[in-house]
Amino acid sequence: MNRILFQISYDVYPDKRDEYLASANELVTYIKSNTKHDYMIVEDKNRKNSFSEVYILKDEAEFDGLEDEMDDTIYGLTTKILGEYVVDGKTKYSTFYAIG
């Protein structure tokens, strides 16, 4: 089975950047410590305050199970990020399948 890259992209209000980064770092640390997912948050090199949350998943089963693993901490941090820091609450979801 091929690996999957799942990406959630959004822009953050410039005046909320520091608060966002604190919450984002907390989310990354928690997910890495409490799940087996390969997860990171990255910033676009050419667009300041444009971020993507990236999961690299081993197969379709791991991808399908992402929502099931969302506990209260992950849900709370995600809700905070989307509600307080993301410009107009707008996100873009992309799913990519490895070809080899």
C-alpha atoms as a PDB file:
ATOM      1  CA  MET A   1       0.000   0.000   0.000  1.00  0.00           C
ATOM      2  CA  ASN A   2       1.149   3.514  -0.742  1.00  0.00           C
ATOM      3  CA  ARG A   3       1.813   6.189   1.814  1.00  0.00           C
ATOM      4  CA  ILE A   4      -0.485   9.202   2.059  1.00  0.00           C
ATOM      5  CA  LEU A   5       0.376  12.831   2.699  1.00  0.00           C
ATOM      6  CA  PHE A   6      -2.532  14.744   4.260  1.00  0.00           C
ATOM      7  CA  GLN A   7      -2.154  18.510   4.448  1.00  0.00           C
ATOM      8  CA  ILE A   8      -4.244  21.224   6.110  1.00  0.00           C
ATOM      9  CA  SER A   9      -3.191  24.719   5.001  1.00  0.00           C
ATOM     10  CA  TYR A  10      -4.186  28.122   6.327  1.00  0.00           C
ATOM     11  CA  ASP A  11      -3.030  31.673   6.953  1.00  0.00           C
ATOM     12  CA  VAL A  12      -2.643  33.088  10.459  1.00  0.00           C
ATOM     13  CA  TYR A  13      -3.453  36.647  11.528  1.00  0.00           C
ATOM     14  CA  PRO A  14      -0.077  38.461  11.742  1.00  0.00           C
ATOM     15  CA  ASP A  15      -0.893  39.986  15.131  1.00  0.00           C
ATOM     16  CA  LYS A  16      -1.718  36.501  16.502  1.00  0.00           C
ATOM     17  CA  ARG A  17       1.453  34.827  15.197  1.00  0.00           C
ATOM     18  CA  ASP A  18       3.226  34.392  18.556  1.00  0.00           C
ATOM     19  CA  GLU A  19       0.110  32.973  20.221  1.00  0.00           C
ATOM     20  CA  TYR A  20      -0.434  30.669  17.246  1.00  0.00           C
ATOM     21  CA  LEU A  21       3.153  29.406  17.373  1.00  0.00           C
ATOM     22  CA  ALA A  22       2.796  28.563  21.073  1.00  0.00           C
ATOM     23  CA  SER A  23      -0.412  26.589  20.421  1.00  0.00           C
ATOM     24  CA  ALA A  24       1.019  24.965  17.287  1.00  0.00           C
ATOM     25  CA  ASN A  25       4.134  23.809  19.154  1.00  0.00           C
ATOM     26  CA  GLU A  26       1.943  22.409  21.916  1.00  0.00           C
ATOM     27  CA  LEU A  27      -0.115  20.503  19.317  1.00  0.00           C
ATOM     28  CA  VAL A  28       2.977  19.095  17.571  1.00  0.00           C
ATOM     29  CA  THR A  29       4.496  17.961  20.866  1.00  0.00           C
ATOM     30  CA  TYR A  30       1.256  16.348  22.003  1.00  0.00           C
ATOM     31  CA  ILE A  31       0.596  14.499  18.725  1.00  0.00           C
ATOM     32  CA  LYS A  32       4.182  13.238  18.532  1.00  0.00           C
ATOM     33  CA  SER A  33       4.056  12.047  22.152  1.00  0.00           C
ATOM     34  CA  ASN A  34       0.592  10.480  22.099  1.00  0.00           C
ATOM     35  CA  THR A  35       0.163   9.036  18.596  1.00  0.00           C
ATOM     36  CA  LYS A  36       2.323   7.136  16.138  1.00  0.00           C
ATOM     37  CA  HIS A  37       1.732   9.620  13.322  1.00  0.00           C
ATOM     38  CA  ASP A  38       4.479  11.353  11.384  1.00  0.00           C
ATOM     39  CA  TYR A  39       3.220  14.927  11.899  1.00  0.00           C
ATOM     40  CA  MET A  40       4.637  18.418  11.566  1.00  0.00           C
ATOM     41  CA  ILE A  41       3.573  22.001  11.065  1.00  0.00           C
ATOM     42  CA  VAL A  42       5.521  23.952   8.448  1.00  0.00           C
ATOM     43  CA  GLU A  43       5.558  27.566   7.292  1.00  0.00           C
ATOM     44  CA  ASP A  44       5.668  28.516   3.626  1.00  0.00           C
ATOM     45  CA  LYS A  45       9.144  29.881   2.876  1.00  0.00           C
ATOM     46  CA  ASN A  46       7.732  32.584   0.579  1.00  0.00           C
ATOM     47  CA  ARG A  47       4.557  33.537   2.468  1.00  0.00           C
ATOM     48  CA  LYS A  48       4.982  34.570   6.081  1.00  0.00           C
ATOM     49  CA  ASN A  49       2.118  33.437   8.325  1.00  0.00           C
ATOM     50  CA  SER A  50       1.028  30.753   5.830  1.00  0.00           C
ATOM     51  CA  PHE A  51       1.188  27.350   7.540  1.00  0.00           C
ATOM     52  CA  SER A  52       0.430  23.725   6.774  1.00  0.00           C
ATOM     53  CA  GLU A  53      -0.172  20.848   9.122  1.00  0.00           C
ATOM     54  CA  VAL A  54       1.249  17.741   7.469  1.00  0.00           C
ATOM     55  CA  TYR A  55       0.612  14.088   8.242  1.00  0.00           C
ATOM     56  CA  ILE A  56       2.578  11.378   6.465  1.00  0.00           C
ATOM     57  CA  LEU A  57       0.556   8.211   6.889  1.00  0.00           C
ATOM     58  CA  LYS A  58       1.607   4.661   6.128  1.00  0.00           C
ATOM     59  CA  ASP A  59      -1.646   3.590   4.446  1.00  0.00           C
ATOM     60  CA  GLU A  60      -5.374   4.167   3.940  1.00  0.00           C
ATOM     61  CA  ALA A  61      -6.234   2.542   7.294  1.00  0.00           C
ATOM     62  CA  GLU A  62      -4.078   5.033   9.209  1.00  0.00           C
ATOM     63  CA  PHE A  63      -5.613   7.882   7.197  1.00  0.00           C
ATOM     64  CA  ASP A  64      -9.142   6.643   7.913  1.00  0.00           C
ATOM     65  CA  GLY A  65      -8.369   6.404  11.635  1.00  0.00           C
ATOM     66  CA  LEU A  66      -7.188  10.010  12.087  1.00  0.00           C
ATOM     67  CA  GLU A  67     -10.528  11.322  13.349  1.00  0.00           C
ATOM     68  CA  ASP A  68     -10.973   8.371  15.706  1.00  0.00           C
ATOM     69  CA  GLU A  69      -7.716   9.286  17.469  1.00  0.00           C
ATOM     70  CA  MET A  70      -8.706  12.908  18.070  1.00  0.00           C
ATOM     71  CA  ASP A  71      -8.916  13.146  21.863  1.00  0.00           C
ATOM     72  CA  ASP A  72      -9.992  16.147  23.959  1.00  0.00           C
ATOM     73  CA  THR A  73      -6.508  17.717  23.920  1.00  0.00           C
ATOM     74  CA  ILE A  74      -6.095  17.500  20.139  1.00  0.00           C
ATOM     75  CA  TYR A  75      -9.669  18.669  19.601  1.00  0.00           C
ATOM     76  CA  GLY A  76      -9.223  21.605  21.991  1.00  0.00           C
ATOM     77  CA  LEU A  77      -5.955  22.795  20.451  1.00  0.00           C
ATOM     78  CA  THR A  78      -7.262  22.379  16.898  1.00  0.00           C
ATOM     79  CA  THR A  79     -10.443  24.276  17.732  1.00  0.00           C
ATOM     80  CA  LYS A  80      -8.422  27.053  19.362  1.00  0.00           C
ATOM     81  CA  ILE A  81      -6.092  27.364  16.362  1.00  0.00           C
ATOM     82  CA  LEU A  82      -8.905  27.434  13.812  1.00  0.00           C
ATOM     83  CA  GLY A  83     -11.143  29.694  15.867  1.00  0.00           C
ATOM     84  CA  GLU A  84      -8.655  32.254  17.149  1.00  0.00           C
ATOM     85  CA  TYR A  85      -5.676  32.397  14.801  1.00  0.00           C
ATOM     86  CA  VAL A  86      -6.657  31.282  11.290  1.00  0.00           C
ATOM     87  CA  VAL A  87      -7.733  34.121   8.991  1.00  0.00           C
ATOM     88  CA  ASP A  88     -11.517  33.928   8.625  1.00  0.00           C
ATOM     89  CA  GLY A  89     -11.347  30.297   9.801  1.00  0.00           C
ATOM     90  CA  LYS A  90     -10.513  29.269   6.221  1.00  0.00           C
ATOM     91  CA  THR A  91      -8.529  26.093   5.606  1.00  0.00           C
ATOM     92  CA  LYS A  92      -7.615  24.048   2.565  1.00  0.00           C
ATOM     93  CA  TYR A  93      -7.380  20.271   2.794  1.00  0.00           C
ATOM     94  CA  SER A  94      -5.261  18.250   0.362  1.00  0.00           C
ATOM     95  CA  THR A  95      -4.604  14.515   0.193  1.00  0.00           C
ATOM     96  CA  PHE A  96      -1.728  13.098  -1.829  1.00  0.00           C
ATOM     97  CA  TYR A  97      -0.977   9.440  -2.569  1.00  0.00           C
ATOM     98  CA  ALA A  98       2.602   8.263  -3.074  1.00  0.00           C
ATOM     99  CA  ILE A  99       3.206   6.697  -6.465  1.00  0.00           C
ATOM    100  CA  GLY A 100       5.981   4.372  -5.501  1.00  0.00           C
END
